Amino acid sequence: MISHRITDLMMNEKILASLRAELNEQTAQMQWSELERYFAGGTLISVAAELDLIDVGARIAADDKASVQDWMKAELLHRVNDAQALQWLAQDALLWTVVVKPWILVQHERRVPADAAH
């Protein structure tokens, strides 16, 4: 039973690593003015600066409900709200983005993981 769990965890980490690599290549910066229509469509998800945008995207793509629920409860992950939209509109903010259909994840300040900073 324990060896089965370890195998599952190893498989999940391989899947997450593959998703992270794929999403990292698809990450881009976009001006808020380019994203407004997606906000109007309700598909923009705000990722807090303290989270790794790529990891969040990978966990959403892998259907990691527990992590997503934890982040939502901690208000680190949520649909972009009107106050954020107005602030970003006033600044025409430059946001990091990655698409995890049907969502577009956005982050105002992207945290670079320590292992990627080298």
C-alpha atoms as a PDB file:
ATOM      1  CA  MET A   1       0.000   0.000   0.000  1.00  0.00           C
ATOM      2  CA  ILE A   2       2.752   2.457   0.930  1.00  0.00           C
ATOM      3  CA  SER A   3       4.800   1.587  -2.163  1.00  0.00           C
ATOM      4  CA  HIS A   4       1.678   2.212  -4.279  1.00  0.00           C
ATOM      5  CA  ARG A   5       1.348   5.718  -2.772  1.00  0.00           C
ATOM      6  CA  ILE A   6       5.019   6.434  -3.412  1.00  0.00           C
ATOM      7  CA  THR A   7       4.611   5.320  -7.033  1.00  0.00           C
ATOM      8  CA  ASP A   8       1.536   7.568  -7.378  1.00  0.00           C
ATOM      9  CA  LEU A   9       3.417  10.532  -5.900  1.00  0.00           C
ATOM     10  CA  MET A  10       6.354   9.973  -8.243  1.00  0.00           C
ATOM     11  CA  MET A  11       3.992   9.740 -11.226  1.00  0.00           C
ATOM     12  CA  ASN A  12       2.194  12.937 -10.156  1.00  0.00           C
ATOM     13  CA  GLU A  13       5.511  14.784  -9.811  1.00  0.00           C
ATOM     14  CA  LYS A  14       6.524  13.652 -13.323  1.00  0.00           C
ATOM     15  CA  ILE A  15       3.203  14.897 -14.702  1.00  0.00           C
ATOM     16  CA  LEU A  16       3.530  18.208 -12.840  1.00  0.00           C
ATOM     17  CA  ALA A  17       7.116  18.655 -14.040  1.00  0.00           C
ATOM     18  CA  SER A  18       6.015  18.077 -17.635  1.00  0.00           C
ATOM     19  CA  LEU A  19       3.119  20.522 -17.266  1.00  0.00           C
ATOM     20  CA  ARG A  20       5.376  23.129 -15.649  1.00  0.00           C
ATOM     21  CA  ALA A  21       7.862  22.897 -18.533  1.00  0.00           C
ATOM     22  CA  GLU A  22       5.094  23.239 -21.121  1.00  0.00           C
ATOM     23  CA  LEU A  23       3.389  26.149 -19.359  1.00  0.00           C
ATOM     24  CA  ASN A  24       6.676  27.962 -18.740  1.00  0.00           C
ATOM     25  CA  GLU A  25       7.181  28.157 -22.520  1.00  0.00           C
ATOM     26  CA  GLN A  26       3.674  29.590 -22.938  1.00  0.00           C
ATOM     27  CA  THR A  27       3.978  32.288 -20.278  1.00  0.00           C
ATOM     28  CA  ALA A  28       3.921  35.842 -21.584  1.00  0.00           C
ATOM     29  CA  GLN A  29       3.460  39.398 -20.421  1.00  0.00           C
ATOM     30  CA  MET A  30       0.399  41.279 -21.640  1.00  0.00           C
ATOM     31  CA  GLN A  31      -0.955  44.763 -21.046  1.00  0.00           C
ATOM     32  CA  TRP A  32      -4.261  44.977 -19.187  1.00  0.00           C
ATOM     33  CA  SER A  33      -5.838  46.616 -22.241  1.00  0.00           C
ATOM     34  CA  GLU A  34      -5.262  43.335 -24.118  1.00  0.00           C
ATOM     35  CA  LEU A  35      -6.888  41.327 -21.315  1.00  0.00           C
ATOM     36  CA  GLU A  36     -10.007  43.412 -20.606  1.00  0.00           C
ATOM     37  CA  ARG A  37     -12.248  41.391 -22.911  1.00  0.00           C
ATOM     38  CA  TYR A  38     -11.329  38.203 -21.038  1.00  0.00           C
ATOM     39  CA  PHE A  39     -12.155  39.925 -17.754  1.00  0.00           C
ATOM     40  CA  ALA A  40     -15.558  40.806 -19.229  1.00  0.00           C
ATOM     41  CA  GLY A  41     -15.978  37.132 -20.132  1.00  0.00           C
ATOM     42  CA  GLY A  42     -15.149  36.038 -16.574  1.00  0.00           C
ATOM     43  CA  THR A  43     -12.170  33.900 -17.540  1.00  0.00           C
ATOM     44  CA  LEU A  44      -9.348  35.783 -15.787  1.00  0.00           C
ATOM     45  CA  ILE A  45      -7.992  34.257 -12.592  1.00  0.00           C
ATOM     46  CA  SER A  46      -5.735  36.338 -10.355  1.00  0.00           C
ATOM     47  CA  VAL A  47      -2.738  34.560  -8.834  1.00  0.00           C
ATOM     48  CA  ALA A  48      -1.178  36.192  -5.769  1.00  0.00           C
ATOM     49  CA  ALA A  49       2.445  37.321  -6.047  1.00  0.00           C
ATOM     50  CA  GLU A  50       3.551  34.849  -3.375  1.00  0.00           C
ATOM     51  CA  LEU A  51       2.550  31.895  -5.562  1.00  0.00           C
ATOM     52  CA  ASP A  52       4.467  30.538  -8.527  1.00  0.00           C
ATOM     53  CA  LEU A  53       2.276  31.225 -11.584  1.00  0.00           C
ATOM     54  CA  ILE A  54       3.594  28.176 -13.442  1.00  0.00           C
ATOM     55  CA  ASP A  55       3.058  25.831 -10.491  1.00  0.00           C
ATOM     56  CA  VAL A  56      -0.506  27.100 -10.041  1.00  0.00           C
ATOM     57  CA  GLY A  57      -1.191  26.546 -13.734  1.00  0.00           C
ATOM     58  CA  ALA A  58       0.271  23.046 -13.629  1.00  0.00           C
ATOM     59  CA  ARG A  59      -1.783  22.100 -10.584  1.00  0.00           C
ATOM     60  CA  ILE A  60      -4.972  23.430 -12.178  1.00  0.00           C
ATOM     61  CA  ALA A  61      -4.193  21.498 -15.376  1.00  0.00           C
ATOM     62  CA  ALA A  62      -3.534  18.358 -13.290  1.00  0.00           C
ATOM     63  CA  ASP A  63      -6.860  18.865 -11.474  1.00  0.00           C
ATOM     64  CA  ASP A  64      -5.213  19.248  -8.051  1.00  0.00           C
ATOM     65  CA  LYS A  65      -8.419  20.300  -6.318  1.00  0.00           C
ATOM     66  CA  ALA A  66      -6.904  20.307  -2.824  1.00  0.00           C
ATOM     67  CA  SER A  67      -4.216  22.877  -3.687  1.00  0.00           C
ATOM     68  CA  VAL A  68      -6.638  25.062  -5.635  1.00  0.00           C
ATOM     69  CA  GLN A  69      -9.167  25.029  -2.785  1.00  0.00           C
ATOM     70  CA  ASP A  70      -6.452  25.867  -0.245  1.00  0.00           C
ATOM     71  CA  TRP A  71      -5.314  28.840  -2.339  1.00  0.00           C
ATOM     72  CA  MET A  72      -8.880  30.027  -2.810  1.00  0.00           C
ATOM     73  CA  LYS A  73      -9.588  29.809   0.925  1.00  0.00           C
ATOM     74  CA  ALA A  74      -6.424  31.809   1.603  1.00  0.00           C
ATOM     75  CA  GLU A  75      -7.539  34.336  -1.066  1.00  0.00           C
ATOM     76  CA  LEU A  76      -4.367  33.719  -3.066  1.00  0.00           C
ATOM     77  CA  LEU A  77      -6.328  32.590  -6.127  1.00  0.00           C
ATOM     78  CA  HIS A  78      -9.596  34.120  -7.328  1.00  0.00           C
ATOM     79  CA  ARG A  79     -11.384  35.561 -10.303  1.00  0.00           C
ATOM     80  CA  VAL A  80     -10.167  39.043 -11.102  1.00  0.00           C
ATOM     81  CA  ASN A  81     -12.523  41.402  -9.289  1.00  0.00           C
ATOM     82  CA  ASP A  82     -13.768  44.849 -10.271  1.00  0.00           C
ATOM     83  CA  ALA A  83     -11.359  46.667  -7.923  1.00  0.00           C
ATOM     84  CA  GLN A  84      -8.354  44.895  -9.430  1.00  0.00           C
ATOM     85  CA  ALA A  85      -9.636  45.531 -12.936  1.00  0.00           C
ATOM     86  CA  LEU A  86     -10.025  49.250 -12.255  1.00  0.00           C
ATOM     87  CA  GLN A  87      -6.562  49.501 -10.720  1.00  0.00           C
ATOM     88  CA  TRP A  88      -4.961  47.641 -13.622  1.00  0.00           C
ATOM     89  CA  LEU A  89      -6.952  49.738 -16.109  1.00  0.00           C
ATOM     90  CA  ALA A  90      -5.662  52.984 -14.555  1.00  0.00           C
ATOM     91  CA  GLN A  91      -2.091  51.685 -14.842  1.00  0.00           C
ATOM     92  CA  ASP A  92      -2.575  49.689 -18.058  1.00  0.00           C
ATOM     93  CA  ALA A  93      -0.641  47.198 -15.970  1.00  0.00           C
ATOM     94  CA  LEU A  94       1.736  44.698 -17.491  1.00  0.00           C
ATOM     95  CA  LEU A  95       0.682  41.249 -16.271  1.00  0.00           C
ATOM     96  CA  TRP A  96       2.233  37.815 -16.507  1.00  0.00           C
ATOM     97  CA  THR A  97      -0.206  35.417 -18.147  1.00  0.00           C
ATOM     98  CA  VAL A  98      -0.563  31.742 -18.874  1.00  0.00           C
ATOM     99  CA  VAL A  99      -3.554  29.955 -20.372  1.00  0.00           C
ATOM    100  CA  VAL A 100      -4.967  26.860 -18.684  1.00  0.00           C
ATOM    101  CA  LYS A 101      -8.205  26.415 -20.601  1.00  0.00           C
ATOM    102  CA  PRO A 102     -10.783  27.668 -19.996  1.00  0.00           C
ATOM    103  CA  TRP A 103      -8.914  30.088 -17.713  1.00  0.00           C
ATOM    104  CA  ILE A 104      -6.286  32.738 -18.226  1.00  0.00           C
ATOM    105  CA  LEU A 105      -4.160  33.047 -15.118  1.00  0.00           C
ATOM    106  CA  VAL A 106      -2.754  36.513 -14.481  1.00  0.00           C
ATOM    107  CA  GLN A 107      -0.204  37.768 -12.004  1.00  0.00           C
ATOM    108  CA  HIS A 108       0.867  41.366 -11.540  1.00  0.00           C
ATOM    109  CA  GLU A 109       4.216  40.542  -9.959  1.00  0.00           C
ATOM    110  CA  ARG A 110       5.564  37.153 -10.960  1.00  0.00           C
ATOM    111  CA  ARG A 111       7.602  35.350  -8.334  1.00  0.00           C
ATOM    112  CA  VAL A 112      10.558  33.578  -9.909  1.00  0.00           C
ATOM    113  CA  PRO A 113      11.198  30.254  -8.159  1.00  0.00           C
ATOM    114  CA  ALA A 114      14.579  30.092  -6.411  1.00  0.00           C
ATOM    115  CA  ASP A 115      15.743  27.178  -8.576  1.00  0.00           C
ATOM    116  CA  ALA A 116      14.937  29.134 -11.774  1.00  0.00           C
ATOM    117  CA  ALA A 117      16.770  32.293 -10.711  1.00  0.00           C
ATOM    118  CA  HIS A 118      20.220  30.799 -11.378  1.00  0.00           C
END
